[in-house]
Amino acid sequence: MRRHTRRIGRFDSRTTLPPDSDAEHISAELTDGVLTVNVPKAGKEQAQRIEITG
């Protein structure tokens, strides 16, 4: 016997993001019941050289 269930109403789902994700530019789209979430990678941080004189 197979059983199929469908959720009706609101639901909540959570996940953790990778540490190299750009949280400021996340986008999501719901089309025909399919949720598409785009999580871009953050640009590589450039090392900064600071000159110390003294």
PDB file of N, CA and C in Angstrom:
ATOM      1  N   MET A   1       0.838  -1.167   0.000  1.00  0.00           N
ATOM      2  CA  MET A   1       0.000   0.000   0.000  1.00  0.00           C
ATOM      3  C   MET A   1       0.894   1.245   0.000  1.00  0.00           C
ATOM      4  N   ARG A   2       0.610   2.146  -0.880  1.00  0.00           N
ATOM      5  CA  ARG A   2       1.334   3.406  -0.942  1.00  0.00           C
ATOM      6  C   ARG A   2       0.477   4.504  -0.365  1.00  0.00           C
ATOM      7  N   ARG A   3       1.145   5.427   0.269  1.00  0.00           N
ATOM      8  CA  ARG A   3       0.424   6.541   0.860  1.00  0.00           C
ATOM      9  C   ARG A   3       1.052   7.838   0.385  1.00  0.00           C
ATOM     10  N   HIS A   4       0.256   8.692  -0.165  1.00  0.00           N
ATOM     11  CA  HIS A   4       0.717   9.998  -0.617  1.00  0.00           C
ATOM     12  C   HIS A   4       0.115  11.058   0.281  1.00  0.00           C
ATOM     13  N   THR A   5       0.963  11.974   0.694  1.00  0.00           N
ATOM     14  CA  THR A   5       0.466  13.066   1.518  1.00  0.00           C
ATOM     15  C   THR A   5       0.822  14.391   0.859  1.00  0.00           C
ATOM     16  N   ARG A   6      -0.012  15.348   1.083  1.00  0.00           N
ATOM     17  CA  ARG A   6       0.238  16.706   0.615  1.00  0.00           C
ATOM     18  C   ARG A   6       0.047  17.646   1.778  1.00  0.00           C
ATOM     19  N   ARG A   7       0.937  18.609   1.841  1.00  0.00           N
ATOM     20  CA  ARG A   7       0.793  19.625   2.884  1.00  0.00           C
ATOM     21  C   ARG A   7      -0.161  20.700   2.382  1.00  0.00           C
ATOM     22  N   ILE A   8      -1.040  21.091   3.238  1.00  0.00           N
ATOM     23  CA  ILE A   8      -1.991  22.146   2.900  1.00  0.00           C
ATOM     24  C   ILE A   8      -1.791  23.265   3.910  1.00  0.00           C
ATOM     25  N   GLY A   9      -1.662  24.473   3.432  1.00  0.00           N
ATOM     26  CA  GLY A   9      -1.475  25.606   4.325  1.00  0.00           C
ATOM     27  C   GLY A   9      -0.021  26.027   4.404  1.00  0.00           C
ATOM     28  N   ARG A  10       0.314  26.708   5.474  1.00  0.00           N
ATOM     29  CA  ARG A  10       1.651  27.246   5.645  1.00  0.00           C
ATOM     30  C   ARG A  10       2.596  26.180   6.190  1.00  0.00           C
ATOM     31  N   PHE A  11       3.873  26.345   5.855  1.00  0.00           N
ATOM     32  CA  PHE A  11       4.882  25.465   6.431  1.00  0.00           C
ATOM     33  C   PHE A  11       6.152  26.272   6.625  1.00  0.00           C
ATOM     34  N   ASP A  12       7.085  25.728   7.360  1.00  0.00           N
ATOM     35  CA  ASP A  12       8.323  26.406   7.677  1.00  0.00           C
ATOM     36  C   ASP A  12       9.468  25.437   7.425  1.00  0.00           C
ATOM     37  N   SER A  13      10.496  25.914   6.778  1.00  0.00           N
ATOM     38  CA  SER A  13      11.673  25.095   6.527  1.00  0.00           C
ATOM     39  C   SER A  13      12.905  25.956   6.736  1.00  0.00           C
ATOM     40  N   ARG A  14      13.912  25.414   7.396  1.00  0.00           N
ATOM     41  CA  ARG A  14      15.132  26.166   7.681  1.00  0.00           C
ATOM     42  C   ARG A  14      16.343  25.357   7.259  1.00  0.00           C
ATOM     43  N   THR A  15      17.368  26.081   6.862  1.00  0.00           N
ATOM     44  CA  THR A  15      18.624  25.440   6.506  1.00  0.00           C
ATOM     45  C   THR A  15      19.767  26.400   6.824  1.00  0.00           C
ATOM     46  N   THR A  16      20.952  25.882   6.961  1.00  0.00           N
ATOM     47  CA  THR A  16      22.104  26.737   7.191  1.00  0.00           C
ATOM     48  C   THR A  16      22.781  27.029   5.860  1.00  0.00           C
ATOM     49  N   LEU A  17      23.351  28.214   5.750  1.00  0.00           N
ATOM     50  CA  LEU A  17      24.031  28.613   4.532  1.00  0.00           C
ATOM     51  C   LEU A  17      25.525  28.347   4.662  1.00  0.00           C
ATOM     52  N   PRO A  18      26.178  28.078   3.538  1.00  0.00           N
ATOM     53  CA  PRO A  18      27.631  27.897   3.594  1.00  0.00           C
ATOM     54  C   PRO A  18      28.311  29.196   4.032  1.00  0.00           C
ATOM     55  N   PRO A  19      29.476  29.108   4.653  1.00  0.00           N
ATOM     56  CA  PRO A  19      30.136  30.318   5.136  1.00  0.00           C
ATOM     57  C   PRO A  19      30.575  31.272   4.023  1.00  0.00           C
ATOM     58  N   ASP A  20      30.716  30.790   2.786  1.00  0.00           N
ATOM     59  CA  ASP A  20      31.145  31.666   1.700  1.00  0.00           C
ATOM     60  C   ASP A  20      29.982  32.222   0.889  1.00  0.00           C
ATOM     61  N   SER A  21      28.762  32.224   1.455  1.00  0.00           N
ATOM     62  CA  SER A  21      27.605  32.749   0.730  1.00  0.00           C
ATOM     63  C   SER A  21      27.457  34.258   0.972  1.00  0.00           C
ATOM     64  N   ASP A  22      26.877  34.937   0.002  1.00  0.00           N
ATOM     65  CA  ASP A  22      26.651  36.385   0.064  1.00  0.00           C
ATOM     66  C   ASP A  22      25.213  36.617   0.524  1.00  0.00           C
ATOM     67  N   ALA A  23      25.030  36.780   1.827  1.00  0.00           N
ATOM     68  CA  ALA A  23      23.686  36.882   2.408  1.00  0.00           C
ATOM     69  C   ALA A  23      22.937  38.135   1.960  1.00  0.00           C
ATOM     70  N   GLU A  24      23.625  39.140   1.490  1.00  0.00           N
ATOM     71  CA  GLU A  24      22.987  40.377   1.060  1.00  0.00           C
ATOM     72  C   GLU A  24      22.308  40.261  -0.306  1.00  0.00           C
ATOM     73  N   HIS A  25      22.680  39.266  -1.102  1.00  0.00           N
ATOM     74  CA  HIS A  25      22.167  39.158  -2.468  1.00  0.00           C
ATOM     75  C   HIS A  25      21.410  37.850  -2.733  1.00  0.00           C
ATOM     76  N   ILE A  26      20.804  37.275  -1.708  1.00  0.00           N
ATOM     77  CA  ILE A  26      20.004  36.059  -1.871  1.00  0.00           C
ATOM     78  C   ILE A  26      18.665  36.438  -2.492  1.00  0.00           C
ATOM     79  N   SER A  27      18.209  35.634  -3.460  1.00  0.00           N
ATOM     80  CA  SER A  27      16.908  35.893  -4.075  1.00  0.00           C
ATOM     81  C   SER A  27      16.101  34.602  -4.100  1.00  0.00           C
ATOM     82  N   ALA A  28      14.780  34.738  -4.105  1.00  0.00           N
ATOM     83  CA  ALA A  28      13.894  33.583  -4.136  1.00  0.00           C
ATOM     84  C   ALA A  28      12.715  33.886  -5.049  1.00  0.00           C
ATOM     85  N   GLU A  29      12.216  32.838  -5.710  1.00  0.00           N
ATOM     86  CA  GLU A  29      11.087  32.992  -6.625  1.00  0.00           C
ATOM     87  C   GLU A  29      10.175  31.773  -6.489  1.00  0.00           C
ATOM     88  N   LEU A  30       8.885  32.017  -6.424  1.00  0.00           N
ATOM     89  CA  LEU A  30       7.890  30.952  -6.352  1.00  0.00           C
ATOM     90  C   LEU A  30       7.089  30.972  -7.643  1.00  0.00           C
ATOM     91  N   THR A  31       7.236  29.916  -8.450  1.00  0.00           N
ATOM     92  CA  THR A  31       6.546  29.830  -9.733  1.00  0.00           C
ATOM     93  C   THR A  31       5.897  28.454  -9.856  1.00  0.00           C
ATOM     94  N   ASP A  32       4.608  28.427 -10.067  1.00  0.00           N
ATOM     95  CA  ASP A  32       3.849  27.181 -10.232  1.00  0.00           C
ATOM     96  C   ASP A  32       4.112  26.188  -9.105  1.00  0.00           C
ATOM     97  N   GLY A  33       4.222  26.685  -7.885  1.00  0.00           N
ATOM     98  CA  GLY A  33       4.418  25.823  -6.724  1.00  0.00           C
ATOM     99  C   GLY A  33       5.840  25.363  -6.507  1.00  0.00           C
ATOM    100  N   VAL A  34       6.790  25.866  -7.314  1.00  0.00           N
ATOM    101  CA  VAL A  34       8.198  25.487  -7.166  1.00  0.00           C
ATOM    102  C   VAL A  34       8.967  26.686  -6.627  1.00  0.00           C
ATOM    103  N   LEU A  35       9.611  26.505  -5.485  1.00  0.00           N
ATOM    104  CA  LEU A  35      10.399  27.564  -4.880  1.00  0.00           C
ATOM    105  C   LEU A  35      11.842  27.418  -5.336  1.00  0.00           C
ATOM    106  N   THR A  36      12.378  28.475  -5.948  1.00  0.00           N
ATOM    107  CA  THR A  36      13.769  28.489  -6.388  1.00  0.00           C
ATOM    108  C   THR A  36      14.500  29.554  -5.582  1.00  0.00           C
ATOM    109  N   VAL A  37      15.546  29.140  -4.884  1.00  0.00           N
ATOM    110  CA  VAL A  37      16.337  30.047  -4.064  1.00  0.00           C
ATOM    111  C   VAL A  37      17.741  30.111  -4.635  1.00  0.00           C
ATOM    112  N   ASN A  38      18.213  31.329  -4.929  1.00  0.00           N
ATOM    113  CA  ASN A  38      19.566  31.533  -5.443  1.00  0.00           C
ATOM    114  C   ASN A  38      20.425  32.153  -4.351  1.00  0.00           C
ATOM    115  N   VAL A  39      21.517  31.460  -4.024  1.00  0.00           N
ATOM    116  CA  VAL A  39      22.446  31.933  -2.999  1.00  0.00           C
ATOM    117  C   VAL A  39      23.807  32.099  -3.662  1.00  0.00           C
ATOM    118  N   PRO A  40      24.172  33.335  -4.018  1.00  0.00           N
ATOM    119  CA  PRO A  40      25.459  33.533  -4.680  1.00  0.00           C
ATOM    120  C   PRO A  40      26.621  33.423  -3.697  1.00  0.00           C
ATOM    121  N   LYS A  41      27.777  33.054  -4.240  1.00  0.00           N
ATOM    122  CA  LYS A  41      28.989  33.017  -3.431  1.00  0.00           C
ATOM    123  C   LYS A  41      29.506  34.429  -3.261  1.00  0.00           C
ATOM    124  N   ALA A  42      30.077  34.688  -2.108  1.00  0.00           N
ATOM    125  CA  ALA A  42      30.681  35.999  -1.862  1.00  0.00           C
ATOM    126  C   ALA A  42      32.000  36.066  -2.622  1.00  0.00           C
ATOM    127  N   GLY A  43      32.346  37.267  -3.067  1.00  0.00           N
ATOM    128  CA  GLY A  43      33.619  37.443  -3.753  1.00  0.00           C
ATOM    129  C   GLY A  43      34.769  37.173  -2.804  1.00  0.00           C
ATOM    130  N   LYS A  44      35.865  36.735  -3.361  1.00  0.00           N
ATOM    131  CA  LYS A  44      37.029  36.467  -2.524  1.00  0.00           C
ATOM    132  C   LYS A  44      37.524  37.788  -1.938  1.00  0.00           C
ATOM    133  N   GLU A  45      37.757  37.752  -0.659  1.00  0.00           N
ATOM    134  CA  GLU A  45      38.258  38.952  -0.014  1.00  0.00           C
ATOM    135  C   GLU A  45      39.734  39.107  -0.344  1.00  0.00           C
ATOM    136  N   GLN A  46      40.093  40.298  -0.758  1.00  0.00           N
ATOM    137  CA  GLN A  46      41.467  40.600  -1.100  1.00  0.00           C
ATOM    138  C   GLN A  46      42.233  40.905   0.183  1.00  0.00           C
ATOM    139  N   ALA A  47      43.431  40.390   0.262  1.00  0.00           N
ATOM    140  CA  ALA A  47      44.270  40.709   1.405  1.00  0.00           C
ATOM    141  C   ALA A  47      44.688  42.167   1.320  1.00  0.00           C
ATOM    142  N   GLN A  48      44.655  42.845   2.423  1.00  0.00           N
ATOM    143  CA  GLN A  48      45.036  44.253   2.429  1.00  0.00           C
ATOM    144  C   GLN A  48      46.406  44.398   3.072  1.00  0.00           C
ATOM    145  N   ARG A  49      47.217  45.203   2.439  1.00  0.00           N
ATOM    146  CA  ARG A  49      48.550  45.457   2.980  1.00  0.00           C
ATOM    147  C   ARG A  49      48.520  46.837   3.634  1.00  0.00           C
ATOM    148  N   ILE A  50      48.901  46.879   4.883  1.00  0.00           N
ATOM    149  CA  ILE A  50      48.939  48.131   5.623  1.00  0.00           C
ATOM    150  C   ILE A  50      50.397  48.412   5.970  1.00  0.00           C
ATOM    151  N   GLU A  51      50.852  49.568   5.523  1.00  0.00           N
ATOM    152  CA  GLU A  51      52.249  49.934   5.787  1.00  0.00           C
ATOM    153  C   GLU A  51      52.337  50.631   7.127  1.00  0.00           C
ATOM    154  N   ILE A  52      53.251  50.164   7.938  1.00  0.00           N
ATOM    155  CA  ILE A  52      53.463  50.738   9.275  1.00  0.00           C
ATOM    156  C   ILE A  52      54.815  51.441   9.278  1.00  0.00           C
ATOM    157  N   THR A  53      54.794  52.701   9.549  1.00  0.00           N
ATOM    158  CA  THR A  53      56.044  53.457   9.625  1.00  0.00           C
ATOM    159  C   THR A  53      56.247  53.929  11.041  1.00  0.00           C
ATOM    160  N   GLY A  54      57.490  54.118  11.417  1.00  0.00           N
ATOM    161  CA  GLY A  54      57.665  54.614  12.756  1.00  0.00           C
ATOM    162  C   GLY A  54      59.061  54.607  13.247  1.00  0.00           C
TER     163      GLY A  54
END
